[in-house]
Amino acid sequence: MNGTAATLLETVTTVNELLRSALTQTDDLLTDEQLLELGDLTEQFTARTHALTTRTLASIETREAAQHVHGVRTTTWMRERHG
């Protein structure tokens, strides 16, 4: 794995950990304005996550890197969830 690939994986791993941490926190103390901002940010996360998933699936298929899990290609169930 080259440095760029490591950076991509580190970035996505860090974001995943931060989002996991955010899910353990309550939004009860947020003002209405902060809650709306949080909603906007989570919509952006969703869109960007979907775009990254779609790009990753395309790369997996291009390289034929799919694995079979219980007889089903991983890209099949991933695409059903994100397609």
C-alpha atoms as a PDB file:
ATOM      1  CA  MET A   1       0.000   0.000   0.000  1.00  0.00           C
ATOM      2  CA  ASN A   2       1.432   3.363  -0.952  1.00  0.00           C
ATOM      3  CA  GLY A   3       1.307   6.529   1.154  1.00  0.00           C
ATOM      4  CA  THR A   4      -1.705   7.968  -0.641  1.00  0.00           C
ATOM      5  CA  ALA A   5      -3.716   4.793  -0.083  1.00  0.00           C
ATOM      6  CA  ALA A   6      -2.720   4.760   3.581  1.00  0.00           C
ATOM      7  CA  THR A   7      -3.820   8.387   3.930  1.00  0.00           C
ATOM      8  CA  LEU A   8      -7.214   7.626   2.365  1.00  0.00           C
ATOM      9  CA  LEU A   9      -7.786   4.682   4.695  1.00  0.00           C
ATOM     10  CA  GLU A  10      -6.603   6.662   7.726  1.00  0.00           C
ATOM     11  CA  THR A  11      -8.928   9.542   6.845  1.00  0.00           C
ATOM     12  CA  VAL A  12     -11.967   7.311   6.388  1.00  0.00           C
ATOM     13  CA  THR A  13     -11.135   5.351   9.557  1.00  0.00           C
ATOM     14  CA  THR A  14     -10.822   8.576  11.561  1.00  0.00           C
ATOM     15  CA  VAL A  15     -14.121   9.916  10.216  1.00  0.00           C
ATOM     16  CA  ASN A  16     -15.791   6.600  11.067  1.00  0.00           C
ATOM     17  CA  GLU A  17     -14.488   6.766  14.636  1.00  0.00           C
ATOM     18  CA  LEU A  18     -15.598  10.396  15.018  1.00  0.00           C
ATOM     19  CA  LEU A  19     -19.084   9.585  13.740  1.00  0.00           C
ATOM     20  CA  ARG A  20     -19.295   6.609  16.088  1.00  0.00           C
ATOM     21  CA  SER A  21     -18.376   8.947  18.951  1.00  0.00           C
ATOM     22  CA  ALA A  22     -20.960  11.505  17.830  1.00  0.00           C
ATOM     23  CA  LEU A  23     -23.652   8.833  17.972  1.00  0.00           C
ATOM     24  CA  THR A  24     -22.954   8.323  21.677  1.00  0.00           C
ATOM     25  CA  GLN A  25     -23.692  11.981  22.404  1.00  0.00           C
ATOM     26  CA  THR A  26     -27.117  13.501  22.871  1.00  0.00           C
ATOM     27  CA  ASP A  27     -28.425  16.464  20.912  1.00  0.00           C
ATOM     28  CA  ASP A  28     -30.755  17.516  23.736  1.00  0.00           C
ATOM     29  CA  LEU A  29     -28.666  20.579  24.640  1.00  0.00           C
ATOM     30  CA  LEU A  30     -28.396  21.945  21.097  1.00  0.00           C
ATOM     31  CA  THR A  31     -30.290  25.093  20.195  1.00  0.00           C
ATOM     32  CA  ASP A  32     -32.736  24.926  17.296  1.00  0.00           C
ATOM     33  CA  GLU A  33     -30.154  26.668  15.094  1.00  0.00           C
ATOM     34  CA  GLN A  34     -27.459  24.169  16.073  1.00  0.00           C
ATOM     35  CA  LEU A  35     -29.841  21.275  15.482  1.00  0.00           C
ATOM     36  CA  LEU A  36     -30.607  22.560  11.974  1.00  0.00           C
ATOM     37  CA  GLU A  37     -26.870  22.934  11.306  1.00  0.00           C
ATOM     38  CA  LEU A  38     -26.341  19.371  12.526  1.00  0.00           C
ATOM     39  CA  GLY A  39     -29.070  18.228  10.139  1.00  0.00           C
ATOM     40  CA  ASP A  40     -27.384  20.005   7.228  1.00  0.00           C
ATOM     41  CA  LEU A  41     -24.019  18.483   8.102  1.00  0.00           C
ATOM     42  CA  THR A  42     -25.406  14.966   8.401  1.00  0.00           C
ATOM     43  CA  GLU A  43     -27.079  15.330   4.991  1.00  0.00           C
ATOM     44  CA  GLN A  44     -23.694  16.314   3.544  1.00  0.00           C
ATOM     45  CA  PHE A  45     -22.058  13.312   5.248  1.00  0.00           C
ATOM     46  CA  THR A  46     -24.709  11.041   3.780  1.00  0.00           C
ATOM     47  CA  ALA A  47     -24.212  12.391   0.258  1.00  0.00           C
ATOM     48  CA  ARG A  48     -20.427  12.183   0.466  1.00  0.00           C
ATOM     49  CA  THR A  49     -20.512   8.715   1.983  1.00  0.00           C
ATOM     50  CA  HIS A  50     -22.798   7.550  -0.816  1.00  0.00           C
ATOM     51  CA  ALA A  51     -20.456   9.045  -3.429  1.00  0.00           C
ATOM     52  CA  LEU A  52     -17.422   7.370  -1.849  1.00  0.00           C
ATOM     53  CA  THR A  53     -19.257   4.043  -1.620  1.00  0.00           C
ATOM     54  CA  THR A  54     -20.297   4.252  -5.271  1.00  0.00           C
ATOM     55  CA  ARG A  55     -16.739   5.082  -6.344  1.00  0.00           C
ATOM     56  CA  THR A  56     -15.321   2.276  -4.217  1.00  0.00           C
ATOM     57  CA  LEU A  57     -17.806  -0.237  -5.645  1.00  0.00           C
ATOM     58  CA  ALA A  58     -16.845   0.805  -9.169  1.00  0.00           C
ATOM     59  CA  SER A  59     -13.163   0.295  -8.335  1.00  0.00           C
ATOM     60  CA  ILE A  60     -13.878  -3.112  -6.802  1.00  0.00           C
ATOM     61  CA  GLU A  61     -15.759  -4.198  -9.912  1.00  0.00           C
ATOM     62  CA  THR A  62     -13.166  -2.764 -12.304  1.00  0.00           C
ATOM     63  CA  ARG A  63     -10.417  -4.707 -10.575  1.00  0.00           C
ATOM     64  CA  GLU A  64     -12.660  -7.728 -10.047  1.00  0.00           C
ATOM     65  CA  ALA A  65     -11.714  -7.531  -6.376  1.00  0.00           C
ATOM     66  CA  ALA A  66     -15.121  -8.671  -5.123  1.00  0.00           C
ATOM     67  CA  GLN A  67     -15.201 -11.432  -2.557  1.00  0.00           C
ATOM     68  CA  HIS A  68     -17.886 -14.052  -2.223  1.00  0.00           C
ATOM     69  CA  VAL A  69     -19.633 -14.160   1.126  1.00  0.00           C
ATOM     70  CA  HIS A  70     -22.099 -17.011   1.524  1.00  0.00           C
ATOM     71  CA  GLY A  71     -22.070 -17.409  -2.245  1.00  0.00           C
ATOM     72  CA  VAL A  72     -22.932 -13.766  -2.943  1.00  0.00           C
ATOM     73  CA  ARG A  73     -20.468 -11.254  -4.340  1.00  0.00           C
ATOM     74  CA  THR A  74     -19.815  -8.503  -1.804  1.00  0.00           C
ATOM     75  CA  THR A  75     -20.526  -5.886  -4.436  1.00  0.00           C
ATOM     76  CA  THR A  76     -23.998  -7.348  -4.973  1.00  0.00           C
ATOM     77  CA  TRP A  77     -25.251  -6.712  -1.448  1.00  0.00           C
ATOM     78  CA  MET A  78     -23.281  -3.466  -1.178  1.00  0.00           C
ATOM     79  CA  ARG A  79     -24.879  -2.187  -4.367  1.00  0.00           C
ATOM     80  CA  GLU A  80     -28.330  -3.209  -3.130  1.00  0.00           C
ATOM     81  CA  ARG A  81     -27.743  -1.067  -0.040  1.00  0.00           C
ATOM     82  CA  HIS A  82     -26.085   1.878  -1.798  1.00  0.00           C
ATOM     83  CA  GLY A  83     -27.051   1.569  -5.461  1.00  0.00           C
END
